[in-house]
Amino acid sequence: MKPSGPETLESLARAAAAGDEAAFERLHDRLRAGLERFLLKRTGKRRDLADELAQRAWVEMWRALRERRYDPDRAAFSTFLYAIAYKLWMQHCRANRESTGAATADDPVLEALQHQPNRLDELHLVELLEALRGCREQSDGPGSLTAEERELLNVLAEGASERQAAERLGLAASTVNARKRAAYAKLRACLAAKGFDGGYGIASTDFPARRRTD
């Protein structure tokens, strides 16, 4: 079934849920690179492991579509996909008694999940990541991100280090660090206001900021 109207992630997801494999392939094409960057960072650039986890994430996403576990009216497709990726990565670390290492240092979601095994569930992660998406995208209110903070998070989401972000944005490294800390503080406060008060932490800068209709 070919989706009607503009081809958004949501319309493609609905078509894939109805059994359209071509729609699922287009979803894969649009989100593959971002998911690979995310998993490469988590695995310390171990390409074989990142590829394996990515493949498993896509297989599980297909099953979620076919089994109606994913509802496009409740969460963006990319949110659900990244929730699955978080879950698979943490399951791998626990099964192989591996530390999340450097990934945990700048990913408070993984840090929180290490201490809350009962939270290693895609539905809880979807709820958290959707809340985070809302916090990142709100444009008014005292706790909203500034345009500069949002720009920095987007650059970091592309895989840049703080030093690389500083060079790209023409800023001092200290400014980048301070701006990131300020953005994180706002996101923590926003999530706390939504009921996510320390049991989850905030998600990594890798999480995409695109809306569900992208």
N, C-alpha and C. Protein backbone atom coordinates (compact mmCIF):
# COMPACT_ATOMS: atom_id res chain seq x y z
N MET A 1 0.84 -1.19 0.00
CA MET A 1 0.00 0.00 0.00
C MET A 1 0.88 1.24 0.00
N LYS A 2 0.79 2.04 -1.03
CA LYS A 2 1.59 3.25 -1.13
C LYS A 2 0.95 4.36 -0.32
N PRO A 3 1.73 5.04 0.57
CA PRO A 3 1.14 6.10 1.37
C PRO A 3 0.65 7.23 0.49
N SER A 4 -0.52 7.80 0.84
CA SER A 4 -1.07 8.91 0.08
C SER A 4 -0.59 10.22 0.66
N GLY A 5 -0.53 11.28 -0.17
CA GLY A 5 -0.09 12.57 0.30
C GLY A 5 1.41 12.62 0.47
N PRO A 6 1.91 13.67 1.15
CA PRO A 6 3.35 13.81 1.37
C PRO A 6 3.91 12.60 2.11
N GLU A 7 5.08 12.15 1.68
CA GLU A 7 5.67 10.94 2.26
C GLU A 7 6.45 11.30 3.52
N THR A 8 5.79 11.27 4.67
CA THR A 8 6.43 11.54 5.95
C THR A 8 6.81 10.23 6.61
N LEU A 9 7.61 10.32 7.68
CA LEU A 9 7.94 9.12 8.43
C LEU A 9 6.67 8.46 8.96
N GLU A 10 5.72 9.28 9.39
CA GLU A 10 4.47 8.73 9.93
C GLU A 10 3.69 7.98 8.86
N SER A 11 3.56 8.58 7.67
CA SER A 11 2.80 7.92 6.61
C SER A 11 3.50 6.64 6.15
N LEU A 12 4.82 6.68 6.10
CA LEU A 12 5.57 5.47 5.74
C LEU A 12 5.40 4.39 6.80
N ALA A 13 5.40 4.79 8.08
CA ALA A 13 5.23 3.82 9.15
C ALA A 13 3.86 3.17 9.09
N ARG A 14 2.84 3.96 8.78
CA ARG A 14 1.49 3.40 8.67
C ARG A 14 1.43 2.40 7.52
N ALA A 15 2.07 2.74 6.41
CA ALA A 15 2.08 1.83 5.27
C ALA A 15 2.85 0.56 5.60
N ALA A 16 3.99 0.71 6.29
CA ALA A 16 4.78 -0.46 6.67
C ALA A 16 4.00 -1.36 7.62
N ALA A 17 3.26 -0.74 8.55
CA ALA A 17 2.47 -1.52 9.50
C ALA A 17 1.39 -2.32 8.78
N ALA A 18 0.97 -1.83 7.62
CA ALA A 18 -0.04 -2.54 6.83
C ALA A 18 0.59 -3.59 5.92
N GLY A 19 1.92 -3.73 6.01
CA GLY A 19 2.59 -4.78 5.25
C GLY A 19 3.38 -4.31 4.05
N ASP A 20 3.53 -3.00 3.87
CA ASP A 20 4.25 -2.46 2.73
C ASP A 20 5.75 -2.49 3.00
N GLU A 21 6.44 -3.49 2.45
CA GLU A 21 7.87 -3.64 2.68
C GLU A 21 8.66 -2.51 2.02
N ALA A 22 8.18 -2.00 0.90
CA ALA A 22 8.87 -0.89 0.23
C ALA A 22 8.87 0.36 1.11
N ALA A 23 7.77 0.59 1.82
CA ALA A 23 7.69 1.73 2.73
C ALA A 23 8.70 1.57 3.86
N PHE A 24 8.83 0.34 4.36
CA PHE A 24 9.80 0.09 5.42
C PHE A 24 11.22 0.32 4.92
N GLU A 25 11.49 -0.06 3.68
CA GLU A 25 12.82 0.17 3.09
C GLU A 25 13.12 1.66 3.02
N ARG A 26 12.11 2.46 2.70
CA ARG A 26 12.33 3.91 2.63
C ARG A 26 12.56 4.49 4.03
N LEU A 27 11.89 3.94 5.03
CA LEU A 27 12.16 4.35 6.40
C LEU A 27 13.61 4.03 6.77
N HIS A 28 14.04 2.84 6.39
CA HIS A 28 15.41 2.42 6.65
C HIS A 28 16.40 3.37 5.98
N ASP A 29 16.15 3.72 4.74
CA ASP A 29 17.05 4.60 4.00
C ASP A 29 17.17 5.97 4.66
N ARG A 30 16.07 6.47 5.21
CA ARG A 30 16.06 7.82 5.78
C ARG A 30 16.69 7.89 7.17
N LEU A 31 16.65 6.80 7.92
CA LEU A 31 17.12 6.84 9.30
C LEU A 31 18.38 6.01 9.56
N ARG A 32 18.83 5.27 8.55
CA ARG A 32 19.96 4.36 8.74
C ARG A 32 21.21 5.07 9.22
N ALA A 33 21.59 6.17 8.58
CA ALA A 33 22.85 6.82 8.90
C ALA A 33 22.87 7.33 10.34
N GLY A 34 21.78 7.95 10.79
CA GLY A 34 21.73 8.46 12.15
C GLY A 34 21.82 7.35 13.18
N LEU A 35 21.14 6.23 12.92
CA LEU A 35 21.19 5.11 13.86
C LEU A 35 22.59 4.52 13.90
N GLU A 36 23.25 4.45 12.76
CA GLU A 36 24.62 3.92 12.73
C GLU A 36 25.56 4.81 13.53
N ARG A 37 25.43 6.13 13.40
CA ARG A 37 26.27 7.04 14.19
C ARG A 37 26.05 6.83 15.68
N PHE A 38 24.80 6.70 16.05
CA PHE A 38 24.44 6.50 17.45
C PHE A 38 25.10 5.23 18.00
N LEU A 39 24.98 4.12 17.27
CA LEU A 39 25.50 2.85 17.76
C LEU A 39 27.02 2.78 17.68
N LEU A 40 27.62 3.42 16.70
CA LEU A 40 29.08 3.46 16.63
C LEU A 40 29.65 4.17 17.86
N LYS A 41 29.00 5.24 18.26
CA LYS A 41 29.47 5.96 19.45
C LYS A 41 29.31 5.10 20.69
N ARG A 42 28.18 4.42 20.82
CA ARG A 42 27.95 3.57 21.99
C ARG A 42 28.95 2.43 22.07
N THR A 43 29.33 1.87 20.92
CA THR A 43 30.19 0.68 20.91
C THR A 43 31.67 1.01 20.82
N GLY A 44 32.03 2.27 20.97
CA GLY A 44 33.43 2.64 20.86
C GLY A 44 33.95 2.43 19.45
N LYS A 45 33.10 2.68 18.46
CA LYS A 45 33.44 2.57 17.04
C LYS A 45 33.79 1.14 16.63
N ARG A 46 33.18 0.17 17.31
CA ARG A 46 33.33 -1.22 16.89
C ARG A 46 32.30 -1.48 15.79
N ARG A 47 32.75 -1.40 14.56
CA ARG A 47 31.85 -1.44 13.41
C ARG A 47 31.03 -2.72 13.36
N ASP A 48 31.65 -3.88 13.60
CA ASP A 48 30.92 -5.14 13.51
C ASP A 48 29.78 -5.19 14.52
N LEU A 49 30.06 -4.77 15.75
CA LEU A 49 29.03 -4.79 16.79
C LEU A 49 27.94 -3.78 16.48
N ALA A 50 28.34 -2.58 16.05
CA ALA A 50 27.35 -1.55 15.72
C ALA A 50 26.44 -2.02 14.60
N ASP A 51 27.02 -2.66 13.59
CA ASP A 51 26.21 -3.16 12.47
C ASP A 51 25.25 -4.25 12.93
N GLU A 52 25.73 -5.12 13.82
CA GLU A 52 24.86 -6.19 14.32
C GLU A 52 23.69 -5.63 15.11
N LEU A 53 23.97 -4.66 15.99
CA LEU A 53 22.90 -4.07 16.79
C LEU A 53 21.92 -3.29 15.92
N ALA A 54 22.45 -2.61 14.90
CA ALA A 54 21.57 -1.87 13.99
C ALA A 54 20.64 -2.82 13.25
N GLN A 55 21.19 -3.93 12.77
CA GLN A 55 20.37 -4.91 12.07
C GLN A 55 19.28 -5.46 12.98
N ARG A 56 19.65 -5.77 14.22
CA ARG A 56 18.66 -6.28 15.16
C ARG A 56 17.60 -5.23 15.47
N ALA A 57 18.01 -3.97 15.56
CA ALA A 57 17.05 -2.90 15.84
C ALA A 57 16.02 -2.79 14.71
N TRP A 58 16.49 -2.88 13.47
CA TRP A 58 15.56 -2.80 12.34
C TRP A 58 14.64 -4.00 12.29
N VAL A 59 15.16 -5.19 12.60
CA VAL A 59 14.31 -6.39 12.63
C VAL A 59 13.24 -6.23 13.70
N GLU A 60 13.65 -5.75 14.88
CA GLU A 60 12.68 -5.59 15.97
C GLU A 60 11.67 -4.49 15.65
N MET A 61 12.13 -3.45 14.95
CA MET A 61 11.21 -2.38 14.56
C MET A 61 10.16 -2.92 13.59
N TRP A 62 10.58 -3.76 12.66
CA TRP A 62 9.63 -4.37 11.71
C TRP A 62 8.60 -5.21 12.46
N ARG A 63 9.07 -5.98 13.44
CA ARG A 63 8.15 -6.79 14.23
C ARG A 63 7.17 -5.91 15.00
N ALA A 64 7.68 -4.81 15.54
CA ALA A 64 6.81 -3.90 16.29
C ALA A 64 5.71 -3.33 15.39
N LEU A 65 6.06 -3.04 14.15
CA LEU A 65 5.07 -2.55 13.20
C LEU A 65 4.03 -3.63 12.89
N ARG A 66 4.50 -4.81 12.60
CA ARG A 66 3.60 -5.89 12.20
C ARG A 66 2.72 -6.35 13.36
N GLU A 67 3.27 -6.28 14.59
CA GLU A 67 2.51 -6.72 15.77
C GLU A 67 1.71 -5.58 16.40
N ARG A 68 1.73 -4.42 15.77
CA ARG A 68 0.98 -3.25 16.24
C ARG A 68 1.46 -2.76 17.60
N ARG A 69 2.72 -3.01 17.93
CA ARG A 69 3.26 -2.48 19.18
C ARG A 69 3.66 -1.02 19.02
N TYR A 70 3.89 -0.60 17.79
CA TYR A 70 4.21 0.80 17.53
C TYR A 70 2.95 1.52 17.05
N ASP A 71 2.64 2.64 17.70
CA ASP A 71 1.47 3.44 17.35
C ASP A 71 1.95 4.83 16.93
N PRO A 72 1.87 5.17 15.63
CA PRO A 72 2.35 6.48 15.18
C PRO A 72 1.58 7.65 15.76
N ASP A 73 0.42 7.39 16.36
CA ASP A 73 -0.33 8.47 17.00
C ASP A 73 0.23 8.81 18.38
N ARG A 74 1.08 7.94 18.92
CA ARG A 74 1.61 8.15 20.26
C ARG A 74 3.09 8.49 20.29
N ALA A 75 3.82 8.13 19.25
CA ALA A 75 5.26 8.39 19.24
C ALA A 75 5.78 8.48 17.82
N ALA A 76 6.81 9.29 17.63
CA ALA A 76 7.46 9.37 16.33
C ALA A 76 8.15 8.04 16.02
N PHE A 77 8.23 7.70 14.75
CA PHE A 77 8.89 6.47 14.34
C PHE A 77 10.34 6.45 14.83
N SER A 78 11.04 7.57 14.66
CA SER A 78 12.45 7.63 15.08
C SER A 78 12.58 7.45 16.58
N THR A 79 11.61 7.95 17.36
CA THR A 79 11.65 7.77 18.81
C THR A 79 11.61 6.30 19.16
N PHE A 80 10.69 5.57 18.55
CA PHE A 80 10.54 4.15 18.86
C PHE A 80 11.79 3.38 18.42
N LEU A 81 12.35 3.74 17.28
CA LEU A 81 13.55 3.07 16.78
C LEU A 81 14.72 3.28 17.73
N TYR A 82 14.92 4.51 18.20
CA TYR A 82 16.03 4.78 19.11
C TYR A 82 15.79 4.13 20.47
N ALA A 83 14.54 4.01 20.89
CA ALA A 83 14.25 3.31 22.14
C ALA A 83 14.67 1.85 22.03
N ILE A 84 14.39 1.23 20.89
CA ILE A 84 14.82 -0.15 20.66
C ILE A 84 16.34 -0.24 20.67
N ALA A 85 17.01 0.73 20.04
CA ALA A 85 18.47 0.71 20.00
C ALA A 85 19.07 0.84 21.40
N TYR A 86 18.51 1.75 22.22
CA TYR A 86 18.96 1.85 23.62
C TYR A 86 18.82 0.50 24.31
N LYS A 87 17.66 -0.11 24.15
CA LYS A 87 17.38 -1.37 24.84
C LYS A 87 18.37 -2.45 24.41
N LEU A 88 18.59 -2.59 23.11
CA LEU A 88 19.49 -3.63 22.62
C LEU A 88 20.93 -3.40 23.07
N TRP A 89 21.35 -2.15 23.08
CA TRP A 89 22.71 -1.85 23.52
C TRP A 89 22.91 -2.21 24.99
N MET A 90 21.95 -1.84 25.84
CA MET A 90 22.07 -2.16 27.25
C MET A 90 21.97 -3.66 27.49
N GLN A 91 21.12 -4.34 26.74
CA GLN A 91 21.03 -5.80 26.86
C GLN A 91 22.36 -6.45 26.49
N HIS A 92 22.99 -5.94 25.45
CA HIS A 92 24.30 -6.47 25.04
C HIS A 92 25.32 -6.28 26.16
N CYS A 93 25.37 -5.09 26.73
CA CYS A 93 26.34 -4.81 27.78
C CYS A 93 26.13 -5.72 28.98
N ARG A 94 24.88 -5.92 29.35
CA ARG A 94 24.60 -6.75 30.52
C ARG A 94 24.89 -8.21 30.24
N ALA A 95 24.51 -8.69 29.05
CA ALA A 95 24.72 -10.10 28.72
C ALA A 95 26.20 -10.44 28.63
N ASN A 96 27.01 -9.48 28.19
CA ASN A 96 28.44 -9.72 28.02
C ASN A 96 29.28 -9.11 29.13
N ARG A 97 28.59 -8.61 30.16
CA ARG A 97 29.26 -7.99 31.31
C ARG A 97 30.24 -6.92 30.87
N GLU A 98 29.81 -6.13 29.91
CA GLU A 98 30.62 -5.03 29.41
C GLU A 98 30.18 -3.73 30.07
N SER A 99 31.14 -2.86 30.28
CA SER A 99 30.82 -1.52 30.74
C SER A 99 30.39 -0.69 29.54
N THR A 100 29.49 0.25 29.76
CA THR A 100 29.14 1.17 28.68
C THR A 100 30.25 2.18 28.45
N GLY A 101 31.24 2.21 29.33
CA GLY A 101 32.45 3.00 29.13
C GLY A 101 32.19 4.47 28.90
N ALA A 102 32.90 5.00 27.89
CA ALA A 102 32.82 6.44 27.63
C ALA A 102 31.42 6.87 27.23
N ALA A 103 30.64 5.95 26.66
CA ALA A 103 29.29 6.32 26.23
C ALA A 103 28.45 6.78 27.40
N THR A 104 28.62 6.12 28.56
CA THR A 104 27.83 6.47 29.73
C THR A 104 28.15 7.86 30.24
N ALA A 105 29.41 8.28 30.07
CA ALA A 105 29.83 9.55 30.62
C ALA A 105 29.05 10.72 30.04
N ASP A 106 28.66 10.63 28.77
CA ASP A 106 27.91 11.75 28.19
C ASP A 106 26.52 11.33 27.76
N ASP A 107 26.01 10.26 28.35
CA ASP A 107 24.65 9.81 28.03
C ASP A 107 23.94 9.44 29.32
N PRO A 108 23.32 10.42 29.99
CA PRO A 108 22.68 10.16 31.27
C PRO A 108 21.55 9.13 31.21
N VAL A 109 20.94 8.91 30.04
CA VAL A 109 19.93 7.87 29.95
C VAL A 109 20.55 6.51 30.23
N LEU A 110 21.69 6.23 29.60
CA LEU A 110 22.36 4.96 29.84
C LEU A 110 22.83 4.85 31.27
N GLU A 111 23.32 5.95 31.82
CA GLU A 111 23.77 5.94 33.21
C GLU A 111 22.61 5.60 34.14
N ALA A 112 21.45 6.21 33.89
CA ALA A 112 20.29 5.95 34.74
C ALA A 112 19.81 4.51 34.58
N LEU A 113 19.81 4.01 33.36
CA LEU A 113 19.31 2.66 33.12
C LEU A 113 20.20 1.59 33.73
N GLN A 114 21.49 1.88 33.87
CA GLN A 114 22.39 0.93 34.51
C GLN A 114 21.93 0.61 35.92
N HIS A 115 21.34 1.60 36.57
CA HIS A 115 20.94 1.43 37.96
C HIS A 115 19.44 1.14 38.11
N GLN A 116 18.74 1.06 36.97
CA GLN A 116 17.31 0.79 37.01
C GLN A 116 16.96 -0.26 35.96
N PRO A 117 17.32 -1.52 36.20
CA PRO A 117 17.07 -2.56 35.21
C PRO A 117 15.60 -2.72 34.85
N ASN A 118 14.71 -2.36 35.77
CA ASN A 118 13.28 -2.48 35.46
C ASN A 118 12.83 -1.43 34.46
N ARG A 119 13.68 -0.45 34.17
CA ARG A 119 13.34 0.57 33.19
C ARG A 119 13.81 0.20 31.78
N LEU A 120 14.45 -0.95 31.63
CA LEU A 120 14.95 -1.34 30.32
C LEU A 120 13.81 -1.93 29.50
N ASP A 121 12.90 -1.06 29.12
CA ASP A 121 11.71 -1.46 28.40
C ASP A 121 11.42 -0.38 27.36
N GLU A 122 11.14 -0.80 26.14
CA GLU A 122 11.01 0.17 25.06
C GLU A 122 9.88 1.16 25.29
N LEU A 123 8.80 0.73 25.96
CA LEU A 123 7.69 1.65 26.19
C LEU A 123 8.06 2.76 27.16
N HIS A 124 8.82 2.42 28.22
CA HIS A 124 9.30 3.45 29.14
C HIS A 124 10.26 4.39 28.41
N LEU A 125 11.13 3.82 27.58
CA LEU A 125 12.09 4.64 26.85
C LEU A 125 11.39 5.55 25.85
N VAL A 126 10.37 5.04 25.19
CA VAL A 126 9.61 5.86 24.25
C VAL A 126 9.00 7.05 24.98
N GLU A 127 8.42 6.79 26.14
CA GLU A 127 7.80 7.87 26.92
C GLU A 127 8.83 8.94 27.28
N LEU A 128 10.01 8.49 27.71
CA LEU A 128 11.08 9.42 28.06
C LEU A 128 11.55 10.22 26.86
N LEU A 129 11.81 9.53 25.75
CA LEU A 129 12.36 10.21 24.59
C LEU A 129 11.36 11.15 23.94
N GLU A 130 10.08 10.80 23.99
CA GLU A 130 9.06 11.73 23.49
C GLU A 130 8.99 12.98 24.37
N ALA A 131 9.13 12.80 25.69
CA ALA A 131 9.15 13.95 26.59
C ALA A 131 10.37 14.82 26.30
N LEU A 132 11.50 14.18 26.07
CA LEU A 132 12.72 14.93 25.74
C LEU A 132 12.55 15.69 24.44
N ARG A 133 11.95 15.05 23.44
CA ARG A 133 11.72 15.71 22.16
C ARG A 133 10.90 16.99 22.36
N GLY A 134 9.85 16.88 23.18
CA GLY A 134 9.02 18.05 23.44
C GLY A 134 9.80 19.15 24.12
N CYS A 135 10.68 18.77 25.07
CA CYS A 135 11.49 19.77 25.76
C CYS A 135 12.44 20.47 24.81
N ARG A 136 13.03 19.71 23.90
CA ARG A 136 13.99 20.30 22.96
C ARG A 136 13.31 21.21 21.96
N GLU A 137 12.07 20.91 21.62
CA GLU A 137 11.42 21.65 20.54
C GLU A 137 10.56 22.81 21.01
N GLN A 138 10.26 22.88 22.32
CA GLN A 138 9.43 24.00 22.77
C GLN A 138 10.20 25.31 22.58
N SER A 139 9.50 26.31 22.09
CA SER A 139 10.17 27.55 21.71
C SER A 139 9.81 28.74 22.58
N ASP A 140 8.96 28.52 23.59
CA ASP A 140 8.63 29.63 24.47
C ASP A 140 8.64 29.14 25.92
N GLY A 141 8.64 30.06 26.83
CA GLY A 141 8.70 29.69 28.24
C GLY A 141 10.09 29.91 28.81
N PRO A 142 10.19 30.08 30.12
CA PRO A 142 11.48 30.38 30.76
C PRO A 142 12.52 29.27 30.62
N GLY A 143 12.08 28.02 30.43
CA GLY A 143 13.04 26.93 30.35
C GLY A 143 13.35 26.48 28.94
N SER A 144 12.93 27.25 27.95
CA SER A 144 13.15 26.85 26.56
C SER A 144 14.62 27.02 26.18
N LEU A 145 15.09 26.16 25.29
CA LEU A 145 16.43 26.30 24.76
C LEU A 145 16.52 27.54 23.89
N THR A 146 17.68 28.20 23.93
CA THR A 146 17.90 29.30 23.01
C THR A 146 18.23 28.73 21.63
N ALA A 147 18.18 29.58 20.63
CA ALA A 147 18.52 29.13 19.27
C ALA A 147 19.96 28.63 19.23
N GLU A 148 20.85 29.29 19.99
CA GLU A 148 22.26 28.88 20.01
C GLU A 148 22.43 27.52 20.69
N GLU A 149 21.69 27.27 21.76
CA GLU A 149 21.77 25.98 22.44
C GLU A 149 21.23 24.87 21.56
N ARG A 150 20.14 25.16 20.87
CA ARG A 150 19.55 24.15 19.99
C ARG A 150 20.49 23.84 18.83
N GLU A 151 21.13 24.87 18.30
CA GLU A 151 22.08 24.67 17.21
C GLU A 151 23.24 23.79 17.66
N LEU A 152 23.74 24.03 18.87
CA LEU A 152 24.84 23.22 19.39
C LEU A 152 24.43 21.77 19.55
N LEU A 153 23.26 21.52 20.12
CA LEU A 153 22.81 20.14 20.29
C LEU A 153 22.66 19.44 18.95
N ASN A 154 22.21 20.16 17.94
CA ASN A 154 22.08 19.56 16.62
C ASN A 154 23.44 19.18 16.04
N VAL A 155 24.44 20.03 16.26
CA VAL A 155 25.79 19.72 15.78
C VAL A 155 26.35 18.50 16.52
N LEU A 156 26.15 18.46 17.83
CA LEU A 156 26.62 17.32 18.61
C LEU A 156 25.89 16.04 18.20
N ALA A 157 24.63 16.18 17.83
CA ALA A 157 23.85 15.01 17.40
C ALA A 157 24.38 14.41 16.12
N GLU A 158 25.11 15.20 15.34
CA GLU A 158 25.70 14.69 14.11
C GLU A 158 26.98 13.91 14.36
N GLY A 159 27.37 13.81 15.64
CA GLY A 159 28.55 13.04 15.98
C GLY A 159 29.78 13.86 16.30
N ALA A 160 29.65 15.19 16.30
CA ALA A 160 30.81 16.04 16.56
C ALA A 160 31.17 16.02 18.05
N SER A 161 32.46 16.10 18.33
CA SER A 161 32.92 16.26 19.70
C SER A 161 32.76 17.73 20.08
N GLU A 162 32.98 18.05 21.35
CA GLU A 162 32.90 19.46 21.75
C GLU A 162 33.93 20.29 21.00
N ARG A 163 35.13 19.75 20.83
CA ARG A 163 36.17 20.48 20.12
C ARG A 163 35.77 20.72 18.66
N GLN A 164 35.23 19.69 18.02
CA GLN A 164 34.79 19.83 16.63
C GLN A 164 33.64 20.82 16.52
N ALA A 165 32.73 20.78 17.50
CA ALA A 165 31.60 21.71 17.50
C ALA A 165 32.10 23.15 17.64
N ALA A 166 33.11 23.34 18.49
CA ALA A 166 33.67 24.68 18.68
C ALA A 166 34.26 25.20 17.38
N GLU A 167 34.99 24.35 16.67
CA GLU A 167 35.58 24.76 15.40
C GLU A 167 34.51 25.06 14.36
N ARG A 168 33.50 24.23 14.31
CA ARG A 168 32.45 24.40 13.31
C ARG A 168 31.63 25.66 13.56
N LEU A 169 31.37 25.96 14.84
CA LEU A 169 30.53 27.11 15.17
C LEU A 169 31.33 28.38 15.42
N GLY A 170 32.66 28.27 15.38
CA GLY A 170 33.50 29.44 15.60
C GLY A 170 33.45 29.94 17.03
N LEU A 171 33.41 28.99 17.98
CA LEU A 171 33.31 29.34 19.39
C LEU A 171 34.51 28.81 20.16
N ALA A 172 34.75 29.39 21.32
CA ALA A 172 35.77 28.86 22.21
C ALA A 172 35.27 27.55 22.80
N ALA A 173 36.19 26.63 23.09
CA ALA A 173 35.80 25.35 23.66
C ALA A 173 35.06 25.54 24.98
N SER A 174 35.49 26.53 25.76
CA SER A 174 34.83 26.80 27.04
C SER A 174 33.39 27.26 26.84
N THR A 175 33.15 28.01 25.76
CA THR A 175 31.80 28.47 25.46
C THR A 175 30.90 27.30 25.08
N VAL A 176 31.43 26.39 24.29
CA VAL A 176 30.66 25.20 23.90
C VAL A 176 30.30 24.38 25.13
N ASN A 177 31.27 24.17 26.01
CA ASN A 177 31.02 23.39 27.21
C ASN A 177 29.96 24.05 28.09
N ALA A 178 30.09 25.37 28.27
CA ALA A 178 29.13 26.09 29.11
C ALA A 178 27.74 26.08 28.48
N ARG A 179 27.69 26.22 27.17
CA ARG A 179 26.39 26.23 26.48
C ARG A 179 25.73 24.86 26.56
N LYS A 180 26.52 23.80 26.44
CA LYS A 180 25.96 22.46 26.54
C LYS A 180 25.43 22.20 27.96
N ARG A 181 26.20 22.63 28.97
CA ARG A 181 25.75 22.45 30.35
C ARG A 181 24.45 23.20 30.60
N ALA A 182 24.35 24.41 30.05
CA ALA A 182 23.13 25.20 30.23
C ALA A 182 21.94 24.51 29.56
N ALA A 183 22.17 23.97 28.36
CA ALA A 183 21.10 23.28 27.65
C ALA A 183 20.66 22.04 28.42
N TYR A 184 21.62 21.28 28.94
CA TYR A 184 21.29 20.08 29.70
C TYR A 184 20.50 20.42 30.96
N ALA A 185 20.90 21.51 31.63
CA ALA A 185 20.19 21.91 32.84
C ALA A 185 18.73 22.24 32.53
N LYS A 186 18.50 22.92 31.41
CA LYS A 186 17.13 23.24 31.01
C LYS A 186 16.33 21.98 30.68
N LEU A 187 16.98 21.04 30.00
CA LEU A 187 16.28 19.80 29.65
C LEU A 187 15.95 19.00 30.90
N ARG A 188 16.88 18.96 31.85
CA ARG A 188 16.60 18.25 33.11
C ARG A 188 15.40 18.87 33.82
N ALA A 189 15.38 20.21 33.88
CA ALA A 189 14.28 20.90 34.56
C ALA A 189 12.96 20.65 33.84
N CYS A 190 13.00 20.66 32.52
CA CYS A 190 11.79 20.42 31.73
C CYS A 190 11.28 19.01 31.96
N LEU A 191 12.19 18.03 31.95
CA LEU A 191 11.78 16.64 32.17
C LEU A 191 11.25 16.44 33.58
N ALA A 192 11.87 17.11 34.55
CA ALA A 192 11.39 17.01 35.93
C ALA A 192 9.97 17.54 36.03
N ALA A 193 9.69 18.62 35.30
CA ALA A 193 8.34 19.19 35.32
C ALA A 193 7.33 18.23 34.69
N LYS A 194 7.81 17.34 33.82
CA LYS A 194 6.94 16.36 33.18
C LYS A 194 6.87 15.06 33.97
N GLY A 195 7.58 15.01 35.10
CA GLY A 195 7.52 13.83 35.95
C GLY A 195 8.72 12.91 35.84
N PHE A 196 9.72 13.29 35.03
CA PHE A 196 10.93 12.48 34.90
C PHE A 196 12.01 13.09 35.78
N ASP A 197 11.94 12.79 37.06
CA ASP A 197 12.78 13.49 38.03
C ASP A 197 13.94 12.64 38.52
N GLY A 198 14.90 12.40 37.67
CA GLY A 198 16.11 11.71 38.10
C GLY A 198 16.06 10.21 37.92
N GLY A 199 14.87 9.64 37.78
CA GLY A 199 14.79 8.21 37.54
C GLY A 199 15.26 7.83 36.16
N TYR A 200 15.28 8.81 35.27
CA TYR A 200 15.68 8.56 33.90
C TYR A 200 16.92 9.34 33.50
N GLY A 201 17.08 10.57 33.98
CA GLY A 201 18.14 11.40 33.45
C GLY A 201 17.68 12.03 32.15
N ILE A 202 18.61 12.58 31.36
CA ILE A 202 18.24 13.12 30.06
C ILE A 202 18.93 12.32 28.98
N ALA A 203 18.36 12.34 27.81
CA ALA A 203 18.90 11.53 26.72
C ALA A 203 20.14 12.19 26.12
N SER A 204 20.88 11.40 25.39
CA SER A 204 22.11 11.89 24.80
C SER A 204 21.84 12.89 23.70
N THR A 205 22.88 13.63 23.32
CA THR A 205 22.76 14.58 22.22
C THR A 205 22.57 13.87 20.90
N ASP A 206 22.76 12.54 20.87
CA ASP A 206 22.60 11.79 19.63
C ASP A 206 21.15 11.67 19.21
N PHE A 207 20.23 11.83 20.16
CA PHE A 207 18.83 11.60 19.84
C PHE A 207 18.33 12.65 18.86
N PRO A 208 17.70 12.24 17.76
CA PRO A 208 17.29 13.20 16.73
C PRO A 208 16.20 14.14 17.21
N ALA A 209 16.26 15.38 16.76
CA ALA A 209 15.28 16.37 17.19
C ALA A 209 14.14 16.53 16.20
N ARG A 210 14.13 15.74 15.14
CA ARG A 210 13.09 15.90 14.12
C ARG A 210 11.73 15.54 14.67
N ARG A 211 10.71 16.15 14.13
CA ARG A 211 9.34 15.87 14.54
C ARG A 211 8.83 14.63 13.83
N ARG A 212 7.71 14.10 14.33
CA ARG A 212 7.18 12.86 13.78
C ARG A 212 6.72 13.01 12.34
N THR A 213 6.44 14.24 11.89
CA THR A 213 5.96 14.43 10.53
C THR A 213 7.09 14.66 9.54
N ASP A 214 8.36 14.58 9.99
CA ASP A 214 9.48 14.77 9.07
C ASP A 214 9.54 13.64 8.05
